[in-house]
Amino acid sequence: MSPRDGDIRASDADREETVRQLQRGLTQGRLTVHEFDERVQAAYAARTLAELTELIRDLPRSLW
């Protein structure tokens, strides 16, 4: 994602995909339930693609 792409407004579909990725991270034991809950709340509040990317940045790319 280029810097300009990160400024693009996130769609509902983008938010839902991020939540699915977070669910995979939770299932694999990479996130605690508390971390998952916090990140899901942040995903639904995110306005840009950069904000969504930040929520999954520390998860393996295979989950992306």
N, C-alpha and C. Protein backbone atom coordinates (compact mmCIF):
# COMPACT_ATOMS: atom_id res chain seq x y z
N MET A 1 0.85 -1.17 0.00
CA MET A 1 0.00 0.00 0.00
C MET A 1 0.89 1.24 0.00
N SER A 2 0.67 2.11 -0.93
CA SER A 2 1.45 3.35 -0.99
C SER A 2 0.89 4.33 0.05
N PRO A 3 1.68 5.35 0.41
CA PRO A 3 1.20 6.32 1.40
C PRO A 3 -0.14 6.94 1.00
N ARG A 4 -0.32 7.20 -0.26
CA ARG A 4 -1.59 7.78 -0.71
C ARG A 4 -2.75 6.81 -0.53
N ASP A 5 -2.49 5.52 -0.77
CA ASP A 5 -3.54 4.52 -0.61
C ASP A 5 -4.06 4.48 0.82
N GLY A 6 -3.19 4.70 1.77
CA GLY A 6 -3.57 4.67 3.17
C GLY A 6 -4.57 5.74 3.54
N ASP A 7 -4.61 6.81 2.76
CA ASP A 7 -5.54 7.90 3.02
C ASP A 7 -6.92 7.64 2.45
N ILE A 8 -7.07 6.56 1.70
CA ILE A 8 -8.36 6.24 1.09
C ILE A 8 -9.34 5.82 2.17
N ARG A 9 -10.55 6.31 2.06
CA ARG A 9 -11.59 5.96 3.02
C ARG A 9 -11.88 4.47 2.97
N ALA A 10 -12.06 3.87 4.13
CA ALA A 10 -12.37 2.44 4.24
C ALA A 10 -13.85 2.22 3.97
N SER A 11 -14.15 1.11 3.33
CA SER A 11 -15.54 0.73 3.09
C SER A 11 -15.98 -0.25 4.17
N ASP A 12 -17.27 -0.52 4.22
CA ASP A 12 -17.77 -1.53 5.15
C ASP A 12 -17.15 -2.89 4.84
N ALA A 13 -16.97 -3.19 3.56
CA ALA A 13 -16.36 -4.46 3.15
C ALA A 13 -14.91 -4.53 3.64
N ASP A 14 -14.18 -3.42 3.58
CA ASP A 14 -12.80 -3.37 4.08
C ASP A 14 -12.77 -3.66 5.58
N ARG A 15 -13.70 -3.07 6.30
CA ARG A 15 -13.77 -3.28 7.75
C ARG A 15 -14.09 -4.75 8.07
N GLU A 16 -15.04 -5.32 7.34
CA GLU A 16 -15.43 -6.72 7.57
C GLU A 16 -14.26 -7.67 7.26
N GLU A 17 -13.51 -7.38 6.22
CA GLU A 17 -12.35 -8.23 5.89
C GLU A 17 -11.29 -8.14 6.99
N THR A 18 -11.09 -6.97 7.53
CA THR A 18 -10.13 -6.81 8.63
C THR A 18 -10.58 -7.62 9.85
N VAL A 19 -11.87 -7.58 10.14
CA VAL A 19 -12.39 -8.36 11.28
C VAL A 19 -12.19 -9.86 11.03
N ARG A 20 -12.39 -10.31 9.80
CA ARG A 20 -12.14 -11.73 9.48
C ARG A 20 -10.68 -12.08 9.72
N GLN A 21 -9.78 -11.21 9.33
CA GLN A 21 -8.35 -11.45 9.55
C GLN A 21 -8.04 -11.49 11.04
N LEU A 22 -8.65 -10.63 11.80
CA LEU A 22 -8.47 -10.63 13.25
C LEU A 22 -9.01 -11.92 13.86
N GLN A 23 -10.14 -12.39 13.35
CA GLN A 23 -10.70 -13.66 13.84
C GLN A 23 -9.74 -14.82 13.59
N ARG A 24 -9.09 -14.82 12.42
CA ARG A 24 -8.10 -15.86 12.15
C ARG A 24 -6.93 -15.76 13.12
N GLY A 25 -6.52 -14.54 13.43
CA GLY A 25 -5.44 -14.34 14.40
C GLY A 25 -5.83 -14.83 15.78
N LEU A 26 -7.07 -14.61 16.18
CA LEU A 26 -7.56 -15.09 17.46
C LEU A 26 -7.59 -16.62 17.47
N THR A 27 -8.10 -17.20 16.41
CA THR A 27 -8.21 -18.66 16.30
C THR A 27 -6.84 -19.32 16.38
N GLN A 28 -5.84 -18.69 15.80
CA GLN A 28 -4.49 -19.24 15.81
C GLN A 28 -3.72 -18.95 17.10
N GLY A 29 -4.34 -18.23 18.01
CA GLY A 29 -3.68 -17.92 19.28
C GLY A 29 -2.70 -16.77 19.20
N ARG A 30 -2.79 -15.97 18.17
CA ARG A 30 -1.88 -14.83 18.01
C ARG A 30 -2.38 -13.58 18.72
N LEU A 31 -3.67 -13.57 19.06
CA LEU A 31 -4.28 -12.46 19.78
C LEU A 31 -5.02 -13.01 20.98
N THR A 32 -5.02 -12.25 22.05
CA THR A 32 -5.87 -12.61 23.19
C THR A 32 -7.29 -12.15 22.89
N VAL A 33 -8.23 -12.62 23.66
CA VAL A 33 -9.62 -12.19 23.48
C VAL A 33 -9.72 -10.69 23.70
N HIS A 34 -9.00 -10.19 24.67
CA HIS A 34 -9.02 -8.74 24.96
C HIS A 34 -8.47 -7.94 23.77
N GLU A 35 -7.33 -8.40 23.23
CA GLU A 35 -6.75 -7.71 22.06
C GLU A 35 -7.71 -7.77 20.88
N PHE A 36 -8.29 -8.92 20.66
CA PHE A 36 -9.25 -9.09 19.57
C PHE A 36 -10.41 -8.11 19.72
N ASP A 37 -11.01 -8.06 20.90
CA ASP A 37 -12.13 -7.15 21.13
C ASP A 37 -11.76 -5.70 20.87
N GLU A 38 -10.59 -5.29 21.37
CA GLU A 38 -10.14 -3.90 21.15
C GLU A 38 -9.96 -3.60 19.67
N ARG A 39 -9.35 -4.54 18.97
CA ARG A 39 -9.07 -4.31 17.55
C ARG A 39 -10.34 -4.34 16.70
N VAL A 40 -11.28 -5.19 17.07
CA VAL A 40 -12.55 -5.22 16.33
C VAL A 40 -13.27 -3.89 16.50
N GLN A 41 -13.31 -3.37 17.71
CA GLN A 41 -13.93 -2.06 17.94
C GLN A 41 -13.24 -0.99 17.11
N ALA A 42 -11.92 -1.04 17.07
CA ALA A 42 -11.16 -0.06 16.29
C ALA A 42 -11.41 -0.24 14.80
N ALA A 43 -11.57 -1.48 14.35
CA ALA A 43 -11.83 -1.73 12.92
C ALA A 43 -13.15 -1.10 12.50
N TYR A 44 -14.17 -1.28 13.31
CA TYR A 44 -15.47 -0.71 12.97
C TYR A 44 -15.48 0.81 13.05
N ALA A 45 -14.57 1.38 13.82
CA ALA A 45 -14.47 2.84 13.93
C ALA A 45 -13.51 3.44 12.91
N ALA A 46 -12.73 2.61 12.23
CA ALA A 46 -11.71 3.10 11.30
C ALA A 46 -12.33 3.87 10.14
N ARG A 47 -11.64 4.91 9.75
CA ARG A 47 -12.10 5.73 8.62
C ARG A 47 -11.26 5.52 7.37
N THR A 48 -10.00 5.09 7.54
CA THR A 48 -9.11 4.94 6.39
C THR A 48 -8.52 3.54 6.32
N LEU A 49 -8.00 3.20 5.14
CA LEU A 49 -7.34 1.92 4.96
C LEU A 49 -6.09 1.82 5.83
N ALA A 50 -5.41 2.93 6.05
CA ALA A 50 -4.21 2.93 6.90
C ALA A 50 -4.56 2.53 8.32
N GLU A 51 -5.68 2.99 8.83
CA GLU A 51 -6.10 2.62 10.18
C GLU A 51 -6.37 1.12 10.26
N LEU A 52 -6.98 0.56 9.23
CA LEU A 52 -7.24 -0.88 9.22
C LEU A 52 -5.95 -1.67 9.12
N THR A 53 -5.05 -1.23 8.29
CA THR A 53 -3.77 -1.93 8.13
C THR A 53 -3.00 -1.96 9.44
N GLU A 54 -3.05 -0.90 10.18
CA GLU A 54 -2.35 -0.83 11.46
C GLU A 54 -2.86 -1.91 12.43
N LEU A 55 -4.11 -2.27 12.35
CA LEU A 55 -4.71 -3.26 13.25
C LEU A 55 -4.22 -4.67 12.99
N ILE A 56 -3.73 -4.94 11.79
CA ILE A 56 -3.29 -6.30 11.44
C ILE A 56 -1.81 -6.36 11.09
N ARG A 57 -1.13 -5.25 11.20
CA ARG A 57 0.28 -5.15 10.79
C ARG A 57 1.17 -6.17 11.49
N ASP A 58 0.88 -6.50 12.74
CA ASP A 58 1.74 -7.43 13.48
C ASP A 58 1.33 -8.90 13.33
N LEU A 59 0.36 -9.16 12.46
CA LEU A 59 -0.07 -10.52 12.18
C LEU A 59 0.62 -11.01 10.90
N PRO A 60 0.84 -12.32 10.78
CA PRO A 60 1.50 -12.83 9.57
C PRO A 60 0.70 -12.47 8.31
N ARG A 61 1.41 -12.17 7.26
CA ARG A 61 0.77 -11.79 6.00
C ARG A 61 -0.15 -12.89 5.47
N SER A 62 0.09 -14.13 5.86
CA SER A 62 -0.78 -15.22 5.40
C SER A 62 -2.21 -15.03 5.89
N LEU A 63 -2.40 -14.25 6.94
CA LEU A 63 -3.76 -13.95 7.44
C LEU A 63 -4.39 -12.81 6.67
N TRP A 64 -3.58 -12.04 5.98
CA TRP A 64 -4.10 -10.90 5.23
C TRP A 64 -4.77 -11.44 4.01
